[in-house]
Amino acid sequence: MRTWGITDVGMVRRENQDAYDIRMIAGYTVAVVCDGMGGTMGGKRASTLAVETFNREMENLLKEGMTSSQLTQVMGYSAALANEAVHRVAQADIAYQCMGTTMVAVAAAEQLQILNVGDSRAYHINRSGIQQITKDHSVVEDLLESGNITHEQAKNHPQRNLITKALGPEATVQPDCFEICWRQGDFVLLCSDGLVNTVSDQEILFEVIHNGEPDTCLERLLAISRQRGAPDNVTAVLLMNI
């Protein structure tokens, strides 16, 4: 397996409130992307704390040869403790009371187990196309599902940045979990919404599969985002099954 990661403050924000990590644990490649919220005080602390707590618990609990059910439980428990950690800080200090963070994470071996809370995304990409694995926990996604807006309207909807679920605001949170199969030559992309709000799915597919070596793929995607103004932080992690 090969992995790459990138994060950038973008063209507008003064601080990068995204955080990511990639590491090997018990034979699994574990990657996580978090997009913090809560103003200049809270966003960066929330995303960093969530990544650190999630990784620590994965290090403690992940074992080789786990079943899909066991892996889901370990990832869910690790995310729950990350939520508790962010919530505890938010409750203890008024300066951090509005902080929270999204999370999208993967534990990858022959199978892929993916977890998400919020609107950071995971994609499965190969020569057959690009598929969004996760579902955004957002106001716009709810409006799309109910048929109240179209996909075109969603792109510029005034509430497109409002999420309905995150780590930290509540004492408990229920993540979504997904299991997928991947083959040699397949990719998985984790990213914050700063990327997908400026680069389309088809452009992501083109850069990952058709427009050069994967070593420079994330730099190319970031360059496109920055050319379009990159109003938010941009973070992405790419995994390749070799």
Protein backbone atom coordinates (compact mmCIF):
# COMPACT_ATOMS: atom_id res chain seq x y z
CA MET A 1 0.00 0.00 0.00
CA ARG A 2 1.14 3.54 -0.74
CA THR A 3 -0.12 6.67 0.99
CA TRP A 4 0.10 10.42 0.57
CA GLY A 5 -1.23 13.34 2.60
CA ILE A 6 -1.48 17.10 2.21
CA THR A 7 -3.00 20.03 4.11
CA ASP A 8 -3.12 23.72 3.26
CA VAL A 9 -4.59 26.83 4.83
CA GLY A 10 -6.14 27.93 1.52
CA MET A 11 -6.38 31.45 0.16
CA VAL A 12 -8.71 33.11 2.67
CA ARG A 13 -8.42 31.62 6.16
CA ARG A 14 -5.67 32.80 8.52
CA GLU A 15 -5.33 29.49 10.32
CA ASN A 16 -5.42 25.88 9.19
CA GLN A 17 -7.99 24.16 11.40
CA ASP A 18 -7.78 20.82 9.58
CA ALA A 19 -5.67 17.93 10.89
CA TYR A 20 -4.72 14.54 9.47
CA ASP A 21 -2.57 11.52 10.22
CA ILE A 22 -1.47 8.30 8.48
CA ARG A 23 0.13 5.39 10.32
CA MET A 24 0.51 1.62 10.39
CA ILE A 25 -1.17 -0.17 13.30
CA ALA A 26 -1.25 -3.97 13.66
CA GLY A 27 -1.00 -4.55 9.93
CA TYR A 28 -3.61 -1.92 9.01
CA THR A 29 -3.02 1.43 7.36
CA VAL A 30 -4.99 3.85 9.53
CA ALA A 31 -5.69 7.32 8.17
CA VAL A 32 -7.87 10.08 9.57
CA VAL A 33 -8.89 13.58 8.43
CA CYS A 34 -10.61 16.10 10.73
CA ASP A 35 -11.97 19.56 9.90
CA GLY A 36 -12.30 21.71 13.01
CA MET A 37 -14.93 24.31 13.76
CA GLY A 38 -15.46 26.82 16.52
CA GLY A 39 -13.60 29.96 15.58
CA THR A 40 -9.95 30.87 15.94
CA MET A 41 -9.75 29.43 19.44
CA GLY A 42 -11.46 26.10 19.04
CA GLY A 43 -11.24 24.67 15.54
CA LYS A 44 -7.59 23.71 15.46
CA ARG A 45 -7.64 22.34 18.99
CA ALA A 46 -10.73 20.24 18.26
CA SER A 47 -9.36 18.65 15.09
CA THR A 48 -5.93 18.00 16.60
CA LEU A 49 -7.37 16.53 19.80
CA ALA A 50 -9.74 14.30 17.84
CA VAL A 51 -6.95 12.92 15.64
CA GLU A 52 -4.67 12.32 18.63
CA THR A 53 -7.36 10.60 20.71
CA PHE A 54 -8.62 8.45 17.85
CA ASN A 55 -5.09 7.28 17.02
CA ARG A 56 -4.22 6.53 20.63
CA GLU A 57 -7.26 4.32 21.06
CA MET A 58 -6.68 2.59 17.73
CA GLU A 59 -3.12 1.86 18.85
CA ASN A 60 -4.47 0.37 22.09
CA LEU A 61 -7.27 -1.73 20.60
CA LEU A 62 -6.49 -2.70 17.01
CA LYS A 63 -5.26 -6.27 16.55
CA GLU A 64 -4.27 -8.26 13.48
CA GLY A 65 -6.91 -10.49 11.91
CA MET A 66 -9.97 -8.74 13.30
CA THR A 67 -13.36 -9.48 11.78
CA SER A 68 -15.32 -6.72 10.08
CA SER A 69 -17.60 -6.46 13.10
CA GLN A 70 -14.66 -6.18 15.50
CA LEU A 71 -13.01 -3.52 13.35
CA THR A 72 -16.23 -1.51 13.25
CA GLN A 73 -16.46 -1.69 17.04
CA VAL A 74 -12.85 -0.59 17.52
CA MET A 75 -13.19 2.35 15.15
CA GLY A 76 -16.53 3.37 16.64
CA TYR A 77 -15.17 3.21 20.18
CA SER A 78 -12.09 5.23 19.20
CA ALA A 79 -14.31 7.89 17.61
CA ALA A 80 -16.55 7.91 20.70
CA LEU A 81 -13.55 8.64 22.94
CA ALA A 82 -12.41 11.35 20.53
CA ASN A 83 -15.88 12.88 20.83
CA GLU A 84 -15.70 12.70 24.62
CA ALA A 85 -12.29 14.38 24.65
CA VAL A 86 -13.42 17.30 22.49
CA HIS A 87 -16.71 17.64 24.38
CA ARG A 88 -14.90 17.67 27.74
CA VAL A 89 -12.65 20.55 26.73
CA ALA A 90 -15.58 22.48 25.24
CA GLN A 91 -17.55 22.12 28.47
CA ALA A 92 -14.63 23.07 30.72
CA ASP A 93 -13.55 26.32 29.06
CA ILE A 94 -15.89 29.03 27.79
CA ALA A 95 -13.33 29.95 25.13
CA TYR A 96 -13.89 26.55 23.52
CA GLN A 97 -17.61 26.10 24.10
CA CYS A 98 -18.52 26.13 20.38
CA MET A 99 -15.74 23.89 19.17
CA GLY A 100 -16.15 20.62 17.32
CA THR A 101 -14.78 18.73 14.36
CA THR A 102 -15.74 16.44 11.53
CA MET A 103 -13.94 13.12 11.13
CA VAL A 104 -13.44 10.66 8.31
CA ALA A 105 -11.18 7.67 8.95
CA VAL A 106 -10.14 4.42 7.30
CA ALA A 107 -8.52 1.21 8.48
CA ALA A 108 -7.21 -0.48 5.35
CA ALA A 109 -5.87 -3.94 4.65
CA GLU A 110 -7.48 -6.38 2.19
CA GLN A 111 -10.82 -4.87 3.17
CA LEU A 112 -11.57 -1.24 3.95
CA GLN A 113 -13.46 -0.07 7.01
CA ILE A 114 -14.48 3.58 6.85
CA LEU A 115 -16.05 5.83 9.50
CA ASN A 116 -17.36 9.36 9.21
CA VAL A 117 -19.00 12.08 11.26
CA GLY A 118 -19.85 15.37 9.55
CA ASP A 119 -19.14 16.36 5.95
CA SER A 120 -15.55 15.27 5.41
CA ARG A 121 -15.67 12.57 2.76
CA ALA A 122 -14.24 9.26 1.58
CA TYR A 123 -14.15 8.26 -2.10
CA HIS A 124 -13.37 4.95 -3.80
CA ILE A 125 -11.60 5.59 -7.10
CA ASN A 126 -10.49 3.29 -9.91
CA ARG A 127 -10.55 3.14 -13.71
CA SER A 128 -14.27 2.39 -13.59
CA GLY A 129 -15.01 5.72 -11.95
CA ILE A 130 -15.34 7.54 -8.64
CA GLN A 131 -17.83 6.69 -5.89
CA GLN A 132 -18.52 8.70 -2.77
CA ILE A 133 -18.57 6.19 0.08
CA THR A 134 -19.64 8.43 2.93
CA LYS A 135 -22.81 10.49 3.22
CA ASP A 136 -22.53 14.08 4.43
CA HIS A 137 -24.15 14.85 7.75
CA SER A 138 -25.34 18.26 6.60
CA VAL A 139 -28.40 20.41 6.11
CA VAL A 140 -27.91 20.39 2.35
CA GLU A 141 -27.65 16.59 2.22
CA ASP A 142 -30.93 16.32 4.14
CA LEU A 143 -32.58 18.73 1.69
CA LEU A 144 -31.28 16.69 -1.25
CA GLU A 145 -32.56 13.44 0.21
CA SER A 146 -35.99 14.94 0.80
CA GLY A 147 -36.12 16.25 -2.76
CA ASN A 148 -36.43 19.88 -1.70
CA ILE A 149 -33.39 21.00 -3.71
CA THR A 150 -31.47 19.76 -6.74
CA HIS A 151 -27.75 18.93 -6.91
CA GLU A 152 -27.21 22.16 -8.85
CA GLN A 153 -28.97 24.17 -6.15
CA ALA A 154 -26.93 22.41 -3.48
CA LYS A 155 -23.66 23.75 -4.88
CA ASN A 156 -24.51 27.33 -3.94
CA HIS A 157 -27.07 26.82 -1.19
CA PRO A 158 -26.70 29.41 1.62
CA GLN A 159 -26.70 26.61 4.23
CA ARG A 160 -24.17 24.38 2.46
CA ASN A 161 -21.65 24.77 5.30
CA LEU A 162 -24.06 23.78 8.08
CA ILE A 163 -23.46 20.27 9.39
CA THR A 164 -25.90 18.24 11.45
CA LYS A 165 -23.40 16.01 13.23
CA ALA A 166 -19.85 16.50 14.55
CA LEU A 167 -17.48 15.37 17.27
CA GLY A 168 -17.69 17.56 20.36
CA PRO A 169 -20.99 19.47 20.47
CA GLU A 170 -22.89 16.61 22.14
CA ALA A 171 -21.88 14.14 24.84
CA THR A 172 -22.38 11.23 22.44
CA VAL A 173 -22.39 10.88 18.67
CA GLN A 174 -23.23 8.04 16.29
CA PRO A 175 -20.85 7.77 13.32
CA ASP A 176 -21.63 6.04 10.05
CA CYS A 177 -19.49 3.00 9.19
CA PHE A 178 -18.91 1.40 5.78
CA GLU A 179 -17.08 -1.67 4.55
CA ILE A 180 -15.88 -1.93 0.97
CA CYS A 181 -13.67 -4.23 -1.06
CA TRP A 182 -10.82 -2.84 -3.08
CA ARG A 183 -8.47 -4.34 -5.62
CA GLN A 184 -4.94 -3.77 -6.79
CA GLY A 185 -4.72 -0.36 -8.43
CA ASP A 186 -7.71 1.07 -6.55
CA PHE A 187 -7.50 4.30 -4.55
CA VAL A 188 -9.30 5.68 -1.52
CA LEU A 189 -9.37 9.44 -0.97
CA LEU A 190 -10.22 11.08 2.37
CA CYS A 191 -10.74 14.84 2.29
CA SER A 192 -12.18 17.85 4.04
CA ASP A 193 -14.94 19.85 2.38
CA GLY A 194 -12.43 22.51 1.40
CA LEU A 195 -11.39 20.24 -1.47
CA VAL A 196 -14.79 19.06 -2.72
CA ASN A 197 -16.28 22.55 -2.56
CA THR A 198 -13.76 23.72 -5.17
CA VAL A 199 -12.92 20.58 -7.18
CA SER A 200 -15.55 18.34 -8.76
CA ASP A 201 -15.72 14.56 -8.43
CA GLN A 202 -14.87 14.15 -12.11
CA GLU A 203 -11.84 16.39 -11.75
CA ILE A 204 -10.70 14.31 -8.78
CA LEU A 205 -11.11 11.15 -10.86
CA PHE A 206 -9.11 12.65 -13.73
CA GLU A 207 -6.21 13.75 -11.53
CA VAL A 208 -6.03 10.47 -9.60
CA ILE A 209 -6.30 8.10 -12.57
CA HIS A 210 -5.40 9.87 -15.81
CA ASN A 211 -3.27 12.98 -15.41
CA GLY A 212 0.07 11.82 -14.05
CA GLU A 213 1.76 9.93 -11.28
CA PRO A 214 -0.08 9.48 -7.96
CA ASP A 215 2.96 10.97 -6.18
CA THR A 216 1.91 14.45 -7.33
CA CYS A 217 -1.86 13.94 -7.43
CA LEU A 218 -2.67 15.76 -4.19
CA GLU A 219 -0.47 18.71 -5.14
CA ARG A 220 -2.34 18.98 -8.44
CA LEU A 221 -5.72 18.88 -6.69
CA LEU A 222 -4.59 21.51 -4.20
CA ALA A 223 -3.37 23.72 -7.06
CA ILE A 224 -6.82 23.56 -8.70
CA SER A 225 -8.48 24.49 -5.42
CA ARG A 226 -6.14 27.43 -4.87
CA GLN A 227 -6.65 28.64 -8.45
CA ARG A 228 -10.36 28.83 -7.62
CA GLY A 229 -9.83 30.86 -4.49
CA ALA A 230 -9.66 28.06 -1.88
CA PRO A 231 -11.91 29.86 0.63
CA ASP A 232 -11.46 27.07 3.20
CA ASN A 233 -8.63 24.88 4.45
CA VAL A 234 -7.88 21.96 2.11
CA THR A 235 -6.80 18.54 3.41
CA ALA A 236 -6.61 15.20 1.63
CA VAL A 237 -5.19 11.72 2.16
CA LEU A 238 -4.78 9.25 -0.69
CA LEU A 239 -4.30 5.48 -0.31
CA MET A 240 -3.36 3.17 -3.17
CA ASN A 241 -3.70 -0.61 -3.12
CA ILE A 242 -0.56 -2.04 -4.71
